Amino acid sequence: MSFIAMPGRDKKPSSYAPPSISPKATPTPYVLTFGGEGTGAGLFQDAQEVAVDGSGNIYVSDDTLRIQKFDAQGKFLSLWEIPSETKYFSKIRGGPDKLLADREGKIYVVIGGVALKYDGANGEWLGAASGSDYIFDATLKADGGMVAVSAKGHDDELVVLDAKGKAV
């Protein structure tokens, strides 16, 4: 219980009464919903990451190592799979740690300590970038470059790449 003393008034403390109208949470309205539970086209098995490119296309990754592409209204367009083994990593389980999309429609998938680059138009693999040991997180810069947090032994490093993938 709180007490308030009002100057110039009765010196007796009075009790505080909360407002009679309690604020109520209102649900956030859905802007767009699509998909559902499953492993087919347009369905998700533990959806994990989402990214939107410069054209409004929506990319969603899930636990099945798939990237699915939807238009801005949520219509399914395509899907491609992330390999579970590459020369960069082996036996990946679970989905990506990070999914990024740039303005030109290139998709970056941080998984297994590596950033994989795909063409969002067709899912074609375009290359990979790795830090000294393991990339934990990444973000895209406005100029098309990337900033990544990478491990180097027991130390962490911040790796800054230009739009061509060269270290700055």
Protein backbone atom coordinates (compact mmCIF):
# COMPACT_ATOMS: atom_id res chain seq x y z
CA MET A 1 0.00 0.00 0.00
CA SER A 2 1.36 3.45 -0.90
CA PHE A 3 0.73 6.66 1.00
CA ILE A 4 0.68 10.18 -0.40
CA ALA A 5 1.20 13.31 1.71
CA MET A 6 -0.35 16.42 0.15
CA PRO A 7 1.32 19.73 1.19
CA GLY A 8 -1.06 22.28 2.69
CA ARG A 9 -3.71 19.69 3.35
CA ASP A 10 -4.49 17.28 6.03
CA LYS A 11 -1.19 15.85 7.19
CA LYS A 12 -2.64 12.35 7.47
CA PRO A 13 -1.39 10.01 4.79
CA SER A 14 -4.06 8.76 2.43
CA SER A 15 -4.08 5.50 0.59
CA TYR A 16 -3.58 5.33 -3.14
CA ALA A 17 -6.37 3.80 -5.18
CA PRO A 18 -5.47 2.47 -8.62
CA PRO A 19 -7.52 3.64 -11.57
CA SER A 20 -10.85 1.88 -11.82
CA ILE A 21 -10.29 1.08 -15.49
CA SER A 22 -7.51 -1.46 -16.00
CA PRO A 23 -5.69 -1.39 -19.32
CA LYS A 24 -6.28 -4.50 -21.39
CA ALA A 25 -3.92 -5.97 -23.91
CA THR A 26 -5.27 -6.03 -27.42
CA PRO A 27 -4.09 -8.71 -29.80
CA THR A 28 -1.81 -7.57 -32.57
CA PRO A 29 -3.64 -7.81 -35.87
CA TYR A 30 -2.20 -10.19 -38.44
CA VAL A 31 -0.91 -8.49 -41.52
CA LEU A 32 -0.30 -11.69 -43.46
CA THR A 33 -0.54 -15.38 -42.67
CA PHE A 34 0.41 -18.25 -44.93
CA GLY A 35 1.75 -21.80 -44.83
CA GLY A 36 1.07 -24.41 -42.22
CA GLU A 37 2.64 -27.38 -40.46
CA GLY A 38 4.27 -29.97 -42.72
CA THR A 39 7.09 -30.68 -45.12
CA GLY A 40 5.42 -30.05 -48.47
CA ALA A 41 5.72 -26.98 -50.65
CA GLY A 42 4.49 -23.93 -48.74
CA LEU A 43 4.46 -25.80 -45.41
CA PHE A 44 6.93 -25.52 -42.53
CA GLN A 45 8.54 -27.93 -40.11
CA ASP A 46 9.61 -25.65 -37.25
CA ALA A 47 10.02 -22.42 -39.25
CA GLN A 48 13.05 -20.58 -37.87
CA GLU A 49 14.22 -17.61 -39.90
CA VAL A 50 12.58 -15.13 -42.25
CA ALA A 51 14.01 -12.54 -44.65
CA VAL A 52 12.50 -10.13 -47.19
CA ASP A 53 14.29 -8.98 -50.35
CA GLY A 54 14.07 -5.62 -52.11
CA SER A 55 11.09 -6.78 -54.21
CA GLY A 56 9.09 -7.85 -51.17
CA ASN A 57 9.62 -11.58 -51.68
CA ILE A 58 9.57 -13.50 -48.40
CA TYR A 59 12.07 -16.28 -47.66
CA VAL A 60 11.52 -18.73 -44.81
CA SER A 61 13.90 -21.40 -43.52
CA ASP A 62 12.88 -24.35 -41.42
CA ASP A 63 14.30 -27.34 -39.58
CA THR A 64 14.33 -29.49 -42.75
CA LEU A 65 17.20 -27.47 -44.30
CA ARG A 66 14.88 -25.86 -46.85
CA ILE A 67 14.49 -22.27 -47.97
CA GLN A 68 11.05 -21.43 -49.32
CA LYS A 69 10.25 -18.35 -51.36
CA PHE A 70 6.86 -16.59 -51.30
CA ASP A 71 5.67 -13.44 -52.99
CA ALA A 72 4.67 -10.39 -50.94
CA GLN A 73 1.10 -11.77 -50.60
CA GLY A 74 2.34 -15.14 -49.27
CA LYS A 75 1.86 -17.15 -52.48
CA PHE A 76 4.35 -20.04 -52.65
CA LEU A 77 6.89 -19.57 -55.46
CA SER A 78 9.73 -22.05 -54.99
CA LEU A 79 11.92 -23.94 -52.56
CA TRP A 80 15.45 -25.23 -52.44
CA GLU A 81 17.41 -27.34 -50.03
CA ILE A 82 20.55 -26.48 -48.13
CA PRO A 83 22.99 -29.39 -48.38
CA SER A 84 23.68 -31.10 -45.06
CA GLU A 85 27.31 -31.69 -46.06
CA THR A 86 29.63 -29.46 -48.06
CA LYS A 87 33.36 -28.86 -48.17
CA TYR A 88 32.69 -26.17 -45.52
CA PHE A 89 30.76 -28.25 -43.00
CA SER A 90 29.45 -31.77 -42.46
CA LYS A 91 26.38 -33.39 -40.96
CA ILE A 92 24.35 -30.27 -40.26
CA ARG A 93 21.21 -30.91 -38.28
CA GLY A 94 18.49 -28.33 -37.87
CA GLY A 95 17.90 -25.16 -39.78
CA PRO A 96 19.98 -22.05 -40.40
CA ASP A 97 21.16 -19.75 -37.64
CA LYS A 98 20.45 -16.66 -39.76
CA LEU A 99 18.70 -15.86 -43.03
CA LEU A 100 19.41 -12.58 -44.83
CA ALA A 101 18.19 -11.10 -48.13
CA ASP A 102 19.69 -8.14 -49.95
CA ARG A 103 18.00 -5.61 -52.21
CA GLU A 104 19.01 -7.50 -55.37
CA GLY A 105 17.48 -10.78 -54.22
CA LYS A 106 20.62 -12.57 -53.07
CA ILE A 107 19.99 -14.80 -50.05
CA TYR A 108 22.57 -15.43 -47.35
CA VAL A 109 22.24 -18.42 -45.05
CA VAL A 110 24.43 -18.62 -41.93
CA ILE A 111 24.66 -22.30 -41.03
CA GLY A 112 27.37 -24.54 -39.66
CA GLY A 113 29.66 -21.56 -39.13
CA VAL A 114 29.58 -20.54 -42.80
CA ALA A 115 27.61 -17.93 -44.76
CA LEU A 116 26.21 -19.51 -47.94
CA LYS A 117 25.07 -17.26 -50.78
CA TYR A 118 22.18 -18.13 -53.09
CA ASP A 119 20.41 -16.48 -56.00
CA GLY A 120 16.90 -15.86 -54.66
CA ALA A 121 15.44 -16.01 -58.18
CA ASN A 122 16.23 -19.70 -58.69
CA GLY A 123 17.96 -21.02 -55.55
CA GLU A 124 21.28 -21.42 -57.33
CA TRP A 125 24.24 -21.64 -54.95
CA LEU A 126 26.64 -18.76 -55.61
CA GLY A 127 29.37 -19.30 -53.05
CA ALA A 128 30.30 -19.24 -49.39
CA ALA A 129 32.20 -17.10 -46.94
CA SER A 130 33.72 -18.20 -43.69
CA GLY A 131 35.33 -16.41 -40.81
CA SER A 132 38.56 -17.58 -39.24
CA ASP A 133 36.84 -20.53 -37.58
CA TYR A 134 33.07 -20.17 -37.27
CA ILE A 135 30.51 -17.46 -38.16
CA PHE A 136 27.95 -17.02 -35.39
CA ASP A 137 25.93 -14.09 -36.70
CA ALA A 138 25.82 -11.69 -39.62
CA THR A 139 23.98 -8.68 -40.97
CA LEU A 140 23.95 -6.89 -44.31
CA LYS A 141 25.15 -3.34 -44.76
CA ALA A 142 23.29 -0.74 -46.84
CA ASP A 143 26.12 -0.73 -49.42
CA GLY A 144 25.74 -4.48 -50.05
CA GLY A 145 28.54 -5.55 -47.73
CA MET A 146 28.27 -7.81 -44.73
CA VAL A 147 29.35 -7.67 -41.11
CA ALA A 148 29.83 -11.01 -39.37
CA VAL A 149 30.76 -12.14 -35.88
CA SER A 150 33.25 -14.96 -36.16
CA ALA A 151 35.33 -17.02 -33.78
CA LYS A 152 39.09 -17.10 -34.07
CA GLY A 153 40.26 -19.76 -31.64
CA HIS A 154 39.02 -18.63 -28.25
CA ASP A 155 38.57 -15.03 -29.42
CA ASP A 156 35.71 -13.41 -31.30
CA GLU A 157 36.28 -11.17 -34.28
CA LEU A 158 34.17 -8.75 -36.25
CA VAL A 159 34.60 -9.37 -39.98
CA VAL A 160 33.58 -6.56 -42.35
CA LEU A 161 33.20 -7.43 -46.04
CA ASP A 162 32.52 -5.12 -48.95
CA ALA A 163 29.83 -5.81 -51.56
CA LYS A 164 32.27 -8.05 -53.49
CA GLY A 165 33.03 -10.17 -50.42
CA LYS A 166 36.48 -8.74 -49.77
CA ALA A 167 37.59 -8.00 -46.21
CA VAL A 168 37.66 -4.29 -45.44
